Amino acid sequence: MQALSEQLSPFVPWSSEDRTPLAEAEASTTPSGSQPLLVDLLRDPAAVTERLLDPQRLQGLVLGSVGIIAGCTSFFAAAATVARGKEAWWGSAVLASLNVLMSLAASLGPIYATGILLAARVPLARLVAALLAAAATGSLLLAGLASPLYMLTRLNAEWGGPLMLTSSFLLAGAAAGARIHRLLRLMAEQVTRSALGASTMSLTEEDAFRVGILARISWMMLAFTLALGFWAFNALG
C-alpha cells in the first residue's frame, strides 16, 4: 500500500513510492570519525546527528548525555551551594540532576505531540536522544559558568551572585534550545537524503516549513523547561 495520500514525516525514512523500511535507511548511514562525545556536543551538531541516526551509537549517545547532564549540573549546584556558605552541597547536587531530567520529561510530550500534528513525527527513541544531547550541551555550558558564579557570589552575595546565577540558568536553557533546533533540522535533512538516495538534496519548501515550526516549538519548550528546572533547584536548594 502506498503512503502518498498523506503527508510524510521528514524524520521517518520514505521513498517517492512508499515508505522505506527503517532498518534499510539506518544501514545506509556511515559514522564519521571517532571524536569524543564531548567534542561533538560542543562543536559539531552534524556529528551528533550521525550518532542519532546510527542505531549502534544511539545508546552510547543516550548514556553519555545522561552522564554529562548529571555530572555537570551536580558540579554547578555544588559550587553554587558552597559559594552561598551552605554545607549540604550533595543534596543540591542530586536535586539539580533530578530537576533537569524532569524538565526533559516535561518537554517531551508537547514536542512529540507537535510533531504528530504537523505530520513531522520524530521516532520517540531519537527524539529522547536528541533532547538529552541538547540538554547535555546546555549542562556543559552551565559547568563552565560555575567558576564565575563562585567568584561573583563570594565578592557580592547580594547582587552579583544572584544575577550571575539567573544568567547562567537562562544561558544554559537557551543553548540547549538552540541545539535541539539545529539537531532536528539536520536530522530531517539527513533522513530525507538517505531515503531518496540523494547526496545534496535539501528539504522541500513544505517539509522545511513543518520542520521549522517543530524546531522552534522544541527550542521554546526545552529552553523554558530547563531554565525553570534550574530555577527550581535554586529555590529549593
C-alpha atoms as a PDB file:
ATOM      1  CA  MET A   1       0.000   0.000   0.000  1.00  0.00           C
ATOM      2  CA  GLN A   2       1.405   3.347  -0.950  1.00  0.00           C
ATOM      3  CA  ALA A   3       1.604   6.241   1.502  1.00  0.00           C
ATOM      4  CA  LEU A   4       1.181   9.104  -0.950  1.00  0.00           C
ATOM      5  CA  SER A   5      -2.293  10.071   0.275  1.00  0.00           C
ATOM      6  CA  GLU A   6      -0.946  11.746   3.421  1.00  0.00           C
ATOM      7  CA  GLN A   7       1.926  13.983   4.336  1.00  0.00           C
ATOM      8  CA  LEU A   8       5.052  12.070   5.263  1.00  0.00           C
ATOM      9  CA  SER A   9       7.286  12.966   8.165  1.00  0.00           C
ATOM     10  CA  PRO A  10      10.758  14.127   7.072  1.00  0.00           C
ATOM     11  CA  PHE A  11      12.118  12.346  10.147  1.00  0.00           C
ATOM     12  CA  VAL A  12      10.860   8.909   9.031  1.00  0.00           C
ATOM     13  CA  PRO A  13      12.564   7.205   6.046  1.00  0.00           C
ATOM     14  CA  TRP A  14      10.396   7.007   2.911  1.00  0.00           C
ATOM     15  CA  SER A  15      10.807   6.797  -0.833  1.00  0.00           C
ATOM     16  CA  SER A  16       8.918   8.529  -3.592  1.00  0.00           C
ATOM     17  CA  GLU A  17       6.667   5.462  -3.972  1.00  0.00           C
ATOM     18  CA  ASP A  18       6.312   4.181  -0.441  1.00  0.00           C
ATOM     19  CA  ARG A  19       7.954   4.241   2.963  1.00  0.00           C
ATOM     20  CA  THR A  20      11.429   2.753   3.125  1.00  0.00           C
ATOM     21  CA  PRO A  21      11.953   0.217   5.932  1.00  0.00           C
ATOM     22  CA  LEU A  22      13.645   1.905   8.856  1.00  0.00           C
ATOM     23  CA  ALA A  23      16.429  -0.688   9.126  1.00  0.00           C
ATOM     24  CA  GLU A  24      17.379  -0.240   5.462  1.00  0.00           C
ATOM     25  CA  ALA A  25      17.709   3.525   5.790  1.00  0.00           C
ATOM     26  CA  GLU A  26      19.669   3.222   9.019  1.00  0.00           C
ATOM     27  CA  ALA A  27      22.075   0.774   7.420  1.00  0.00           C
ATOM     28  CA  SER A  28      22.926   3.356   4.768  1.00  0.00           C
ATOM     29  CA  THR A  29      24.300   5.800   7.319  1.00  0.00           C
ATOM     30  CA  THR A  30      28.014   5.559   7.937  1.00  0.00           C
ATOM     31  CA  PRO A  31      29.522   7.050  11.083  1.00  0.00           C
ATOM     32  CA  SER A  32      32.280   9.599  10.599  1.00  0.00           C
ATOM     33  CA  GLY A  33      35.386   9.748  12.777  1.00  0.00           C
ATOM     34  CA  SER A  34      35.559   8.734  16.352  1.00  0.00           C
ATOM     35  CA  GLN A  35      35.698  12.070  18.120  1.00  0.00           C
ATOM     36  CA  PRO A  36      34.795  12.054  21.806  1.00  0.00           C
ATOM     37  CA  LEU A  37      31.190  12.791  22.609  1.00  0.00           C
ATOM     38  CA  LEU A  38      32.179  15.944  24.494  1.00  0.00           C
ATOM     39  CA  VAL A  39      33.787  17.383  21.364  1.00  0.00           C
ATOM     40  CA  ASP A  40      30.784  16.570  19.196  1.00  0.00           C
ATOM     41  CA  LEU A  41      28.348  18.101  21.692  1.00  0.00           C
ATOM     42  CA  LEU A  42      30.278  21.350  21.871  1.00  0.00           C
ATOM     43  CA  ARG A  43      31.470  21.778  18.296  1.00  0.00           C
ATOM     44  CA  ASP A  44      29.763  19.558  15.737  1.00  0.00           C
ATOM     45  CA  PRO A  45      25.958  19.183  15.632  1.00  0.00           C
ATOM     46  CA  ALA A  46      26.309  17.239  12.368  1.00  0.00           C
ATOM     47  CA  ALA A  47      28.357  14.561  14.137  1.00  0.00           C
ATOM     48  CA  VAL A  48      25.724  14.354  16.873  1.00  0.00           C
ATOM     49  CA  THR A  49      23.101  13.902  14.164  1.00  0.00           C
ATOM     50  CA  GLU A  50      25.055  10.961  12.755  1.00  0.00           C
ATOM     51  CA  ARG A  51      25.073   9.414  16.205  1.00  0.00           C
ATOM     52  CA  LEU A  52      21.298   9.895  16.404  1.00  0.00           C
ATOM     53  CA  LEU A  53      20.755   8.127  13.092  1.00  0.00           C
ATOM     54  CA  ASP A  54      23.104   5.224  13.817  1.00  0.00           C
ATOM     55  CA  PRO A  55      21.343   2.555  15.930  1.00  0.00           C
ATOM     56  CA  GLN A  56      24.695   1.168  17.051  1.00  0.00           C
ATOM     57  CA  ARG A  57      25.761   4.521  18.507  1.00  0.00           C
ATOM     58  CA  LEU A  58      22.411   5.754  19.762  1.00  0.00           C
ATOM     59  CA  GLN A  59      22.614   4.012  23.134  1.00  0.00           C
ATOM     60  CA  GLY A  60      26.094   5.397  23.734  1.00  0.00           C
ATOM     61  CA  LEU A  61      24.817   8.896  22.974  1.00  0.00           C
ATOM     62  CA  VAL A  62      21.966   8.494  25.455  1.00  0.00           C
ATOM     63  CA  LEU A  63      24.121   7.108  28.248  1.00  0.00           C
ATOM     64  CA  GLY A  64      26.889   9.625  27.638  1.00  0.00           C
ATOM     65  CA  SER A  65      24.467  12.546  27.602  1.00  0.00           C
ATOM     66  CA  VAL A  66      22.812  11.414  30.837  1.00  0.00           C
ATOM     67  CA  GLY A  67      26.226  11.131  32.486  1.00  0.00           C
ATOM     68  CA  ILE A  68      27.254  14.588  31.288  1.00  0.00           C
ATOM     69  CA  ILE A  69      23.974  16.103  32.470  1.00  0.00           C
ATOM     70  CA  ALA A  70      24.293  14.515  35.912  1.00  0.00           C
ATOM     71  CA  GLY A  71      27.953  15.433  36.316  1.00  0.00           C
ATOM     72  CA  CYS A  72      27.795  19.000  35.053  1.00  0.00           C
ATOM     73  CA  THR A  73      24.600  20.028  36.820  1.00  0.00           C
ATOM     74  CA  SER A  74      25.776  18.428  40.059  1.00  0.00           C
ATOM     75  CA  PHE A  75      29.078  20.308  39.822  1.00  0.00           C
ATOM     76  CA  PHE A  76      27.322  23.603  39.185  1.00  0.00           C
ATOM     77  CA  ALA A  77      24.842  23.029  42.002  1.00  0.00           C
ATOM     78  CA  ALA A  78      27.601  22.107  44.441  1.00  0.00           C
ATOM     79  CA  ALA A  79      29.608  25.220  43.515  1.00  0.00           C
ATOM     80  CA  ALA A  80      26.562  27.458  43.927  1.00  0.00           C
ATOM     81  CA  THR A  81      25.717  25.924  47.297  1.00  0.00           C
ATOM     82  CA  VAL A  82      29.253  26.190  48.688  1.00  0.00           C
ATOM     83  CA  ALA A  83      29.555  29.773  47.443  1.00  0.00           C
ATOM     84  CA  ARG A  84      26.487  30.695  49.498  1.00  0.00           C
ATOM     85  CA  GLY A  85      28.049  29.223  52.611  1.00  0.00           C
ATOM     86  CA  LYS A  86      25.856  26.124  52.869  1.00  0.00           C
ATOM     87  CA  GLU A  87      27.235  22.734  53.799  1.00  0.00           C
ATOM     88  CA  ALA A  88      24.698  20.292  52.299  1.00  0.00           C
ATOM     89  CA  TRP A  89      26.080  20.619  48.776  1.00  0.00           C
ATOM     90  CA  TRP A  90      25.446  16.942  47.980  1.00  0.00           C
ATOM     91  CA  GLY A  91      21.693  17.400  48.398  1.00  0.00           C
ATOM     92  CA  SER A  92      21.701  20.313  45.953  1.00  0.00           C
ATOM     93  CA  ALA A  93      23.781  18.287  43.500  1.00  0.00           C
ATOM     94  CA  VAL A  94      21.281  15.419  43.472  1.00  0.00           C
ATOM     95  CA  LEU A  95      18.331  17.794  43.280  1.00  0.00           C
ATOM     96  CA  ALA A  96      19.781  19.663  40.307  1.00  0.00           C
ATOM     97  CA  SER A  97      20.236  16.476  38.262  1.00  0.00           C
ATOM     98  CA  LEU A  98      16.709  15.291  39.039  1.00  0.00           C
ATOM     99  CA  ASN A  99      15.261  18.676  38.094  1.00  0.00           C
ATOM    100  CA  VAL A 100      16.960  18.604  34.699  1.00  0.00           C
ATOM    101  CA  LEU A 101      15.721  15.097  33.914  1.00  0.00           C
ATOM    102  CA  MET A 102      12.187  16.015  34.990  1.00  0.00           C
ATOM    103  CA  SER A 103      12.382  19.120  32.809  1.00  0.00           C
ATOM    104  CA  LEU A 104      13.264  16.955  29.822  1.00  0.00           C
ATOM    105  CA  ALA A 105      10.338  14.655  30.585  1.00  0.00           C
ATOM    106  CA  ALA A 106       8.029  17.675  30.756  1.00  0.00           C
ATOM    107  CA  SER A 107       9.160  18.954  27.362  1.00  0.00           C
ATOM    108  CA  LEU A 108       8.991  15.558  25.619  1.00  0.00           C
ATOM    109  CA  GLY A 109       5.190  15.264  25.477  1.00  0.00           C
ATOM    110  CA  PRO A 110       4.426  18.677  23.886  1.00  0.00           C
ATOM    111  CA  ILE A 111       7.264  18.324  21.359  1.00  0.00           C
ATOM    112  CA  TYR A 112       6.219  14.811  20.303  1.00  0.00           C
ATOM    113  CA  ALA A 113       2.564  15.872  20.042  1.00  0.00           C
ATOM    114  CA  THR A 114       3.532  18.881  17.916  1.00  0.00           C
ATOM    115  CA  GLY A 115       5.398  16.591  15.541  1.00  0.00           C
ATOM    116  CA  ILE A 116       2.315  14.394  15.128  1.00  0.00           C
ATOM    117  CA  LEU A 117       0.052  17.390  14.477  1.00  0.00           C
ATOM    118  CA  LEU A 118       2.471  18.765  11.854  1.00  0.00           C
ATOM    119  CA  ALA A 119       2.983  15.370  10.151  1.00  0.00           C
ATOM    120  CA  ALA A 120       6.629  15.655  11.183  1.00  0.00           C
ATOM    121  CA  ARG A 121       6.755  12.922  13.809  1.00  0.00           C
ATOM    122  CA  VAL A 122      10.211  12.138  15.169  1.00  0.00           C
ATOM    123  CA  PRO A 123      10.719   8.494  16.255  1.00  0.00           C
ATOM    124  CA  LEU A 124      10.477   8.556  20.027  1.00  0.00           C
ATOM    125  CA  ALA A 125      13.882   6.981  20.691  1.00  0.00           C
ATOM    126  CA  ARG A 126      15.614   9.549  18.513  1.00  0.00           C
ATOM    127  CA  LEU A 127      13.647  12.422  19.998  1.00  0.00           C
ATOM    128  CA  VAL A 128      14.611  11.398  23.537  1.00  0.00           C
ATOM    129  CA  ALA A 129      18.248  11.069  22.498  1.00  0.00           C
ATOM    130  CA  ALA A 130      18.172  14.473  20.766  1.00  0.00           C
ATOM    131  CA  LEU A 131      16.679  16.134  23.844  1.00  0.00           C
ATOM    132  CA  LEU A 132      19.318  14.548  26.067  1.00  0.00           C
ATOM    133  CA  ALA A 133      22.111  15.624  23.720  1.00  0.00           C
ATOM    134  CA  ALA A 134      20.793  19.187  23.638  1.00  0.00           C
ATOM    135  CA  ALA A 135      20.442  19.269  27.424  1.00  0.00           C
ATOM    136  CA  ALA A 136      23.987  17.902  27.754  1.00  0.00           C
ATOM    137  CA  THR A 137      25.253  20.817  25.670  1.00  0.00           C
ATOM    138  CA  GLY A 138      23.473  23.259  27.963  1.00  0.00           C
ATOM    139  CA  SER A 139      24.836  21.429  31.010  1.00  0.00           C
ATOM    140  CA  LEU A 140      28.402  21.731  29.721  1.00  0.00           C
ATOM    141  CA  LEU A 141      27.902  25.476  29.410  1.00  0.00           C
ATOM    142  CA  LEU A 142      26.455  25.549  32.913  1.00  0.00           C
ATOM    143  CA  ALA A 143      29.503  23.764  34.319  1.00  0.00           C
ATOM    144  CA  GLY A 144      31.763  26.309  32.629  1.00  0.00           C
ATOM    145  CA  LEU A 145      29.882  29.115  34.384  1.00  0.00           C
ATOM    146  CA  ALA A 146      30.390  27.582  37.848  1.00  0.00           C
ATOM    147  CA  SER A 147      33.714  29.352  38.463  1.00  0.00           C
ATOM    148  CA  PRO A 148      32.478  32.874  37.594  1.00  0.00           C
ATOM    149  CA  LEU A 149      29.397  32.211  39.717  1.00  0.00           C
ATOM    150  CA  TYR A 150      31.516  31.174  42.704  1.00  0.00           C
ATOM    151  CA  MET A 151      33.735  34.253  42.460  1.00  0.00           C
ATOM    152  CA  LEU A 152      30.872  36.710  41.992  1.00  0.00           C
ATOM    153  CA  THR A 153      28.919  35.173  44.858  1.00  0.00           C
ATOM    154  CA  ARG A 154      31.927  35.482  47.134  1.00  0.00           C
ATOM    155  CA  LEU A 155      32.550  39.067  46.073  1.00  0.00           C
ATOM    156  CA  ASN A 156      28.946  40.277  46.096  1.00  0.00           C
ATOM    157  CA  ALA A 157      26.420  37.842  47.523  1.00  0.00           C
ATOM    158  CA  GLU A 158      23.590  40.377  47.384  1.00  0.00           C
ATOM    159  CA  TRP A 159      23.624  41.318  43.704  1.00  0.00           C
ATOM    160  CA  GLY A 160      26.483  39.808  41.742  1.00  0.00           C
ATOM    161  CA  GLY A 161      25.871  36.193  42.751  1.00  0.00           C
ATOM    162  CA  PRO A 162      22.091  36.113  42.170  1.00  0.00           C
ATOM    163  CA  LEU A 163      22.401  37.932  38.844  1.00  0.00           C
ATOM    164  CA  MET A 164      25.080  35.528  37.652  1.00  0.00           C
ATOM    165  CA  LEU A 165      23.014  32.570  38.846  1.00  0.00           C
ATOM    166  CA  THR A 166      19.952  33.722  36.923  1.00  0.00           C
ATOM    167  CA  SER A 167      22.018  34.488  33.826  1.00  0.00           C
ATOM    168  CA  SER A 168      23.550  31.015  33.974  1.00  0.00           C
ATOM    169  CA  PHE A 169      20.108  29.404  34.018  1.00  0.00           C
ATOM    170  CA  LEU A 170      18.939  31.450  31.049  1.00  0.00           C
ATOM    171  CA  LEU A 171      22.110  30.902  29.006  1.00  0.00           C
ATOM    172  CA  ALA A 172      22.121  27.150  29.589  1.00  0.00           C
ATOM    173  CA  GLY A 173      18.442  26.859  28.684  1.00  0.00           C
ATOM    174  CA  ALA A 174      18.891  28.977  25.550  1.00  0.00           C
ATOM    175  CA  ALA A 175      21.924  26.940  24.449  1.00  0.00           C
ATOM    176  CA  ALA A 176      20.028  23.673  24.859  1.00  0.00           C
ATOM    177  CA  GLY A 177      17.054  25.081  22.963  1.00  0.00           C
ATOM    178  CA  ALA A 178      19.238  26.301  20.107  1.00  0.00           C
ATOM    179  CA  ARG A 179      20.937  22.911  19.889  1.00  0.00           C
ATOM    180  CA  ILE A 180      17.671  20.911  19.669  1.00  0.00           C
ATOM    181  CA  HIS A 181      16.568  23.331  16.940  1.00  0.00           C
ATOM    182  CA  ARG A 182      19.722  22.589  14.956  1.00  0.00           C
ATOM    183  CA  LEU A 183      19.633  18.834  15.553  1.00  0.00           C
ATOM    184  CA  LEU A 184      16.045  18.474  14.335  1.00  0.00           C
ATOM    185  CA  ARG A 185      16.746  20.324  11.098  1.00  0.00           C
ATOM    186  CA  LEU A 186      19.906  18.333  10.415  1.00  0.00           C
ATOM    187  CA  MET A 187      18.136  15.065  11.222  1.00  0.00           C
ATOM    188  CA  ALA A 188      15.276  15.784   8.832  1.00  0.00           C
ATOM    189  CA  GLU A 189      17.669  16.690   6.023  1.00  0.00           C
ATOM    190  CA  GLN A 190      19.844  13.617   6.564  1.00  0.00           C
ATOM    191  CA  VAL A 191      16.911  11.181   6.700  1.00  0.00           C
ATOM    192  CA  THR A 192      15.406  12.658   3.535  1.00  0.00           C
ATOM    193  CA  ARG A 193      18.693  12.414   1.635  1.00  0.00           C
ATOM    194  CA  SER A 194      19.287   8.836   2.765  1.00  0.00           C
ATOM    195  CA  ALA A 195      15.768   7.695   1.919  1.00  0.00           C
ATOM    196  CA  LEU A 196      15.785   9.182  -1.576  1.00  0.00           C
ATOM    197  CA  GLY A 197      19.380   8.251  -2.359  1.00  0.00           C
ATOM    198  CA  ALA A 198      20.426  11.848  -2.975  1.00  0.00           C
ATOM    199  CA  SER A 199      23.709  13.399  -1.873  1.00  0.00           C
ATOM    200  CA  THR A 200      22.929  17.125  -1.957  1.00  0.00           C
ATOM    201  CA  MET A 201      19.144  17.292  -1.808  1.00  0.00           C
ATOM    202  CA  SER A 202      17.644  19.590   0.785  1.00  0.00           C
ATOM    203  CA  LEU A 203      14.142  19.578   2.216  1.00  0.00           C
ATOM    204  CA  THR A 204      11.242  20.688   0.079  1.00  0.00           C
ATOM    205  CA  GLU A 205       9.672  24.014   0.926  1.00  0.00           C
ATOM    206  CA  GLU A 206       6.695  22.335   2.585  1.00  0.00           C
ATOM    207  CA  ASP A 207       8.846  19.955   4.623  1.00  0.00           C
ATOM    208  CA  ALA A 208      11.173  22.767   5.643  1.00  0.00           C
ATOM    209  CA  PHE A 209       8.179  24.788   6.835  1.00  0.00           C
ATOM    210  CA  ARG A 210       6.856  21.950   9.020  1.00  0.00           C
ATOM    211  CA  VAL A 211      10.285  21.060  10.368  1.00  0.00           C
ATOM    212  CA  GLY A 212      10.917  24.731  11.102  1.00  0.00           C
ATOM    213  CA  ILE A 213       7.777  25.006  13.197  1.00  0.00           C
ATOM    214  CA  LEU A 214       8.649  21.846  15.116  1.00  0.00           C
ATOM    215  CA  ALA A 215      12.215  23.054  15.690  1.00  0.00           C
ATOM    216  CA  ARG A 216      11.052  26.424  17.010  1.00  0.00           C
ATOM    217  CA  ILE A 217       8.494  24.816  19.324  1.00  0.00           C
ATOM    218  CA  SER A 218      11.200  22.449  20.568  1.00  0.00           C
ATOM    219  CA  TRP A 219      13.573  25.357  21.171  1.00  0.00           C
ATOM    220  CA  MET A 220      10.946  27.213  23.175  1.00  0.00           C
ATOM    221  CA  MET A 221       9.836  24.202  25.225  1.00  0.00           C
ATOM    222  CA  LEU A 222      13.311  22.923  26.057  1.00  0.00           C
ATOM    223  CA  ALA A 223      14.721  26.338  26.922  1.00  0.00           C
ATOM    224  CA  PHE A 224      11.734  27.142  29.132  1.00  0.00           C
ATOM    225  CA  THR A 225      11.571  23.838  30.982  1.00  0.00           C
ATOM    226  CA  LEU A 226      15.336  23.645  31.573  1.00  0.00           C
ATOM    227  CA  ALA A 227      15.565  27.222  32.822  1.00  0.00           C
ATOM    228  CA  LEU A 228      12.590  26.521  35.081  1.00  0.00           C
ATOM    229  CA  GLY A 229      14.217  23.314  36.324  1.00  0.00           C
ATOM    230  CA  PHE A 230      17.428  25.141  37.184  1.00  0.00           C
ATOM    231  CA  TRP A 231      15.418  27.846  38.911  1.00  0.00           C
ATOM    232  CA  ALA A 232      13.565  25.233  40.950  1.00  0.00           C
ATOM    233  CA  PHE A 233      16.900  23.885  42.147  1.00  0.00           C
ATOM    234  CA  ASN A 234      17.880  27.384  43.243  1.00  0.00           C
ATOM    235  CA  ALA A 235      14.598  27.934  45.079  1.00  0.00           C
ATOM    236  CA  LEU A 236      14.613  24.576  46.855  1.00  0.00           C
ATOM    237  CA  GLY A 237      18.348  24.273  47.364  1.00  0.00           C
END
